[in-house]
Amino acid sequence: MIVSASHEHLEPILVIERASFSKPWTEYHFKSDLNNKISINWVYQKDDYVVGYLFGWHVMDEYHLNNIAVADSFRGAGIGIHLLNNMESYLRGIKVKSVFLEVSSGNLPARKLYEKMGF
């Protein structure tokens, strides 16, 4: 199930973030985004536990995908695809015209996911 991210999801998000990236976002980064009016964020829950998340900013008619990750034990199960599909569906509904993202050239799994999704 995908729901809007909130402060109650912060601890599992941080666990996933720290396990996923060599330069992870800090607790401050996530709290700032959760409090930011332009930030639109989701978590993917399985049995009421956060196993993935997507964070981004809605600026005018653009969305800036800032961070997405899935818990290691759930990778390959399509959770990233579900999060991106949910994002695209929501953004179509609010008439967003463009989505921007950055990905490290060395992050092959993320690059493959984005390419698969048409980015």
C-alpha atoms as a PDB file:
ATOM      1  CA  MET A   1       0.000   0.000   0.000  1.00  0.00           C
ATOM      2  CA  ILE A   2       1.268   3.475  -0.890  1.00  0.00           C
ATOM      3  CA  VAL A   3       0.473   6.369   1.446  1.00  0.00           C
ATOM      4  CA  SER A   4       1.718   9.912   1.923  1.00  0.00           C
ATOM      5  CA  ALA A   5       4.932  10.002   3.921  1.00  0.00           C
ATOM      6  CA  SER A   6       4.739  11.525   7.394  1.00  0.00           C
ATOM      7  CA  HIS A   7       6.922  11.990  10.450  1.00  0.00           C
ATOM      8  CA  GLU A   8       5.690   8.660  11.823  1.00  0.00           C
ATOM      9  CA  HIS A   9       7.507   6.933   8.928  1.00  0.00           C
ATOM     10  CA  LEU A  10      10.833   8.649   9.608  1.00  0.00           C
ATOM     11  CA  GLU A  11      12.683   5.882  11.482  1.00  0.00           C
ATOM     12  CA  PRO A  12      12.195   3.130   8.880  1.00  0.00           C
ATOM     13  CA  ILE A  13      12.940   5.623   6.097  1.00  0.00           C
ATOM     14  CA  LEU A  14      16.264   6.431   7.777  1.00  0.00           C
ATOM     15  CA  VAL A  15      17.126   2.737   8.118  1.00  0.00           C
ATOM     16  CA  ILE A  16      16.495   2.165   4.397  1.00  0.00           C
ATOM     17  CA  GLU A  17      18.339   5.354   3.429  1.00  0.00           C
ATOM     18  CA  ARG A  18      21.466   4.505   5.436  1.00  0.00           C
ATOM     19  CA  ALA A  19      21.570   0.980   4.017  1.00  0.00           C
ATOM     20  CA  SER A  20      21.036   2.193   0.452  1.00  0.00           C
ATOM     21  CA  PHE A  21      23.457   5.085  -0.054  1.00  0.00           C
ATOM     22  CA  SER A  22      27.108   5.827   0.677  1.00  0.00           C
ATOM     23  CA  LYS A  23      26.141   9.480   1.264  1.00  0.00           C
ATOM     24  CA  PRO A  24      22.666   9.174   2.798  1.00  0.00           C
ATOM     25  CA  TRP A  25      20.299  11.988   3.530  1.00  0.00           C
ATOM     26  CA  THR A  26      20.282  12.931   7.188  1.00  0.00           C
ATOM     27  CA  GLU A  27      17.319  12.982   9.519  1.00  0.00           C
ATOM     28  CA  TYR A  28      17.366  16.763   9.077  1.00  0.00           C
ATOM     29  CA  HIS A  29      16.932  16.401   5.278  1.00  0.00           C
ATOM     30  CA  PHE A  30      13.888  14.166   5.650  1.00  0.00           C
ATOM     31  CA  LYS A  31      12.318  16.298   8.384  1.00  0.00           C
ATOM     32  CA  SER A  32      12.835  19.404   6.260  1.00  0.00           C
ATOM     33  CA  ASP A  33      11.134  17.758   3.293  1.00  0.00           C
ATOM     34  CA  LEU A  34       8.258  16.487   5.413  1.00  0.00           C
ATOM     35  CA  ASN A  35       7.696  20.066   6.612  1.00  0.00           C
ATOM     36  CA  ASN A  36       8.171  21.671   3.177  1.00  0.00           C
ATOM     37  CA  LYS A  37       4.939  22.778   1.463  1.00  0.00           C
ATOM     38  CA  ILE A  38       6.301  21.987  -2.013  1.00  0.00           C
ATOM     39  CA  SER A  39       7.365  18.485  -1.023  1.00  0.00           C
ATOM     40  CA  ILE A  40       5.175  15.573  -2.145  1.00  0.00           C
ATOM     41  CA  ASN A  41       6.337  12.247  -0.698  1.00  0.00           C
ATOM     42  CA  TRP A  42       5.121   8.670  -0.411  1.00  0.00           C
ATOM     43  CA  VAL A  43       6.013   5.467   1.376  1.00  0.00           C
ATOM     44  CA  TYR A  44       5.293   1.907   0.311  1.00  0.00           C
ATOM     45  CA  GLN A  45       4.084  -0.180   3.237  1.00  0.00           C
ATOM     46  CA  LYS A  46       3.935  -3.924   3.508  1.00  0.00           C
ATOM     47  CA  ASP A  47       2.130  -5.226   6.591  1.00  0.00           C
ATOM     48  CA  ASP A  48       2.188  -1.665   8.008  1.00  0.00           C
ATOM     49  CA  TYR A  49       5.986  -1.459   7.740  1.00  0.00           C
ATOM     50  CA  VAL A  50       7.754   0.983   5.412  1.00  0.00           C
ATOM     51  CA  VAL A  51       9.775  -0.891   2.773  1.00  0.00           C
ATOM     52  CA  GLY A  52      10.253   1.929   0.255  1.00  0.00           C
ATOM     53  CA  TYR A  53       9.828   5.656  -0.233  1.00  0.00           C
ATOM     54  CA  LEU A  54       9.877   8.426  -2.808  1.00  0.00           C
ATOM     55  CA  PHE A  55      10.502  12.115  -2.023  1.00  0.00           C
ATOM     56  CA  GLY A  56      10.241  15.071  -4.368  1.00  0.00           C
ATOM     57  CA  TRP A  57       9.274  18.692  -4.863  1.00  0.00           C
ATOM     58  CA  HIS A  58       6.396  20.132  -6.871  1.00  0.00           C
ATOM     59  CA  VAL A  59       7.572  23.451  -8.338  1.00  0.00           C
ATOM     60  CA  MET A  60       5.115  25.182 -10.677  1.00  0.00           C
ATOM     61  CA  ASP A  61       4.437  22.607 -13.423  1.00  0.00           C
ATOM     62  CA  GLU A  62       7.500  20.470 -12.592  1.00  0.00           C
ATOM     63  CA  TYR A  63       8.284  17.696 -10.146  1.00  0.00           C
ATOM     64  CA  HIS A  64      11.829  17.133  -8.940  1.00  0.00           C
ATOM     65  CA  LEU A  65      12.289  13.524  -7.830  1.00  0.00           C
ATOM     66  CA  ASN A  66      14.863  13.945  -5.067  1.00  0.00           C
ATOM     67  CA  ASN A  67      15.112  10.535  -3.436  1.00  0.00           C
ATOM     68  CA  ILE A  68      13.775   7.023  -3.893  1.00  0.00           C
ATOM     69  CA  ALA A  69      14.859   3.793  -2.208  1.00  0.00           C
ATOM     70  CA  VAL A  70      13.596   0.316  -1.385  1.00  0.00           C
ATOM     71  CA  ALA A  71      14.710  -1.876   1.510  1.00  0.00           C
ATOM     72  CA  ASP A  72      17.323  -4.365   0.362  1.00  0.00           C
ATOM     73  CA  SER A  73      15.227  -7.425   1.167  1.00  0.00           C
ATOM     74  CA  PHE A  74      12.369  -6.092  -1.012  1.00  0.00           C
ATOM     75  CA  ARG A  75      14.393  -5.018  -4.062  1.00  0.00           C
ATOM     76  CA  GLY A  76      13.388  -6.678  -7.294  1.00  0.00           C
ATOM     77  CA  ALA A  77       9.761  -7.025  -6.168  1.00  0.00           C
ATOM     78  CA  GLY A  78       8.495  -4.083  -8.224  1.00  0.00           C
ATOM     79  CA  ILE A  79       8.151  -1.647  -5.328  1.00  0.00           C
ATOM     80  CA  GLY A  80      10.190   1.054  -7.083  1.00  0.00           C
ATOM     81  CA  ILE A  81       7.965   0.669 -10.138  1.00  0.00           C
ATOM     82  CA  HIS A  82       4.837   0.964  -7.989  1.00  0.00           C
ATOM     83  CA  LEU A  83       6.179   4.115  -6.335  1.00  0.00           C
ATOM     84  CA  LEU A  84       7.045   5.685  -9.698  1.00  0.00           C
ATOM     85  CA  ASN A  85       3.681   4.707 -11.220  1.00  0.00           C
ATOM     86  CA  ASN A  86       1.900   6.214  -8.221  1.00  0.00           C
ATOM     87  CA  MET A  87       3.958   9.392  -8.591  1.00  0.00           C
ATOM     88  CA  GLU A  88       3.190   9.657 -12.324  1.00  0.00           C
ATOM     89  CA  SER A  89      -0.524   9.082 -11.784  1.00  0.00           C
ATOM     90  CA  TYR A  90      -0.711  11.730  -9.082  1.00  0.00           C
ATOM     91  CA  LEU A  91       1.316  14.224 -11.116  1.00  0.00           C
ATOM     92  CA  ARG A  92      -0.883  13.749 -14.187  1.00  0.00           C
ATOM     93  CA  GLY A  93      -3.854  14.629 -11.992  1.00  0.00           C
ATOM     94  CA  ILE A  94      -2.318  17.935 -10.931  1.00  0.00           C
ATOM     95  CA  LYS A  95      -1.136  18.758 -14.470  1.00  0.00           C
ATOM     96  CA  VAL A  96       2.615  18.476 -13.895  1.00  0.00           C
ATOM     97  CA  LYS A  97       4.372  18.672 -17.282  1.00  0.00           C
ATOM     98  CA  SER A  98       7.927  17.564 -16.468  1.00  0.00           C
ATOM     99  CA  VAL A  99       9.729  15.309 -14.006  1.00  0.00           C
ATOM    100  CA  PHE A 100      13.405  15.879 -13.283  1.00  0.00           C
ATOM    101  CA  LEU A 101      15.799  13.547 -11.511  1.00  0.00           C
ATOM    102  CA  GLU A 102      19.496  12.959 -11.042  1.00  0.00           C
ATOM    103  CA  VAL A 103      21.171   9.599 -10.719  1.00  0.00           C
ATOM    104  CA  SER A 104      24.776   8.627 -10.219  1.00  0.00           C
ATOM    105  CA  SER A 105      26.310   7.084 -13.331  1.00  0.00           C
ATOM    106  CA  GLY A 106      27.516   4.255 -11.098  1.00  0.00           C
ATOM    107  CA  ASN A 107      24.032   3.428  -9.776  1.00  0.00           C
ATOM    108  CA  LEU A 108      23.151   0.844 -12.392  1.00  0.00           C
ATOM    109  CA  PRO A 109      20.008  -0.535 -10.674  1.00  0.00           C
ATOM    110  CA  ALA A 110      18.502   2.960 -10.441  1.00  0.00           C
ATOM    111  CA  ARG A 111      19.462   3.802 -14.018  1.00  0.00           C
ATOM    112  CA  LYS A 112      17.842   0.585 -15.263  1.00  0.00           C
ATOM    113  CA  LEU A 113      14.678   1.348 -13.289  1.00  0.00           C
ATOM    114  CA  TYR A 114      14.449   4.886 -14.659  1.00  0.00           C
ATOM    115  CA  GLU A 115      15.106   3.706 -18.218  1.00  0.00           C
ATOM    116  CA  LYS A 116      12.465   0.981 -17.843  1.00  0.00           C
ATOM    117  CA  MET A 117      10.006   3.642 -16.729  1.00  0.00           C
ATOM    118  CA  GLY A 118      10.811   5.872 -19.719  1.00  0.00           C
ATOM    119  CA  PHE A 119      13.032   8.482 -18.078  1.00  0.00           C
END
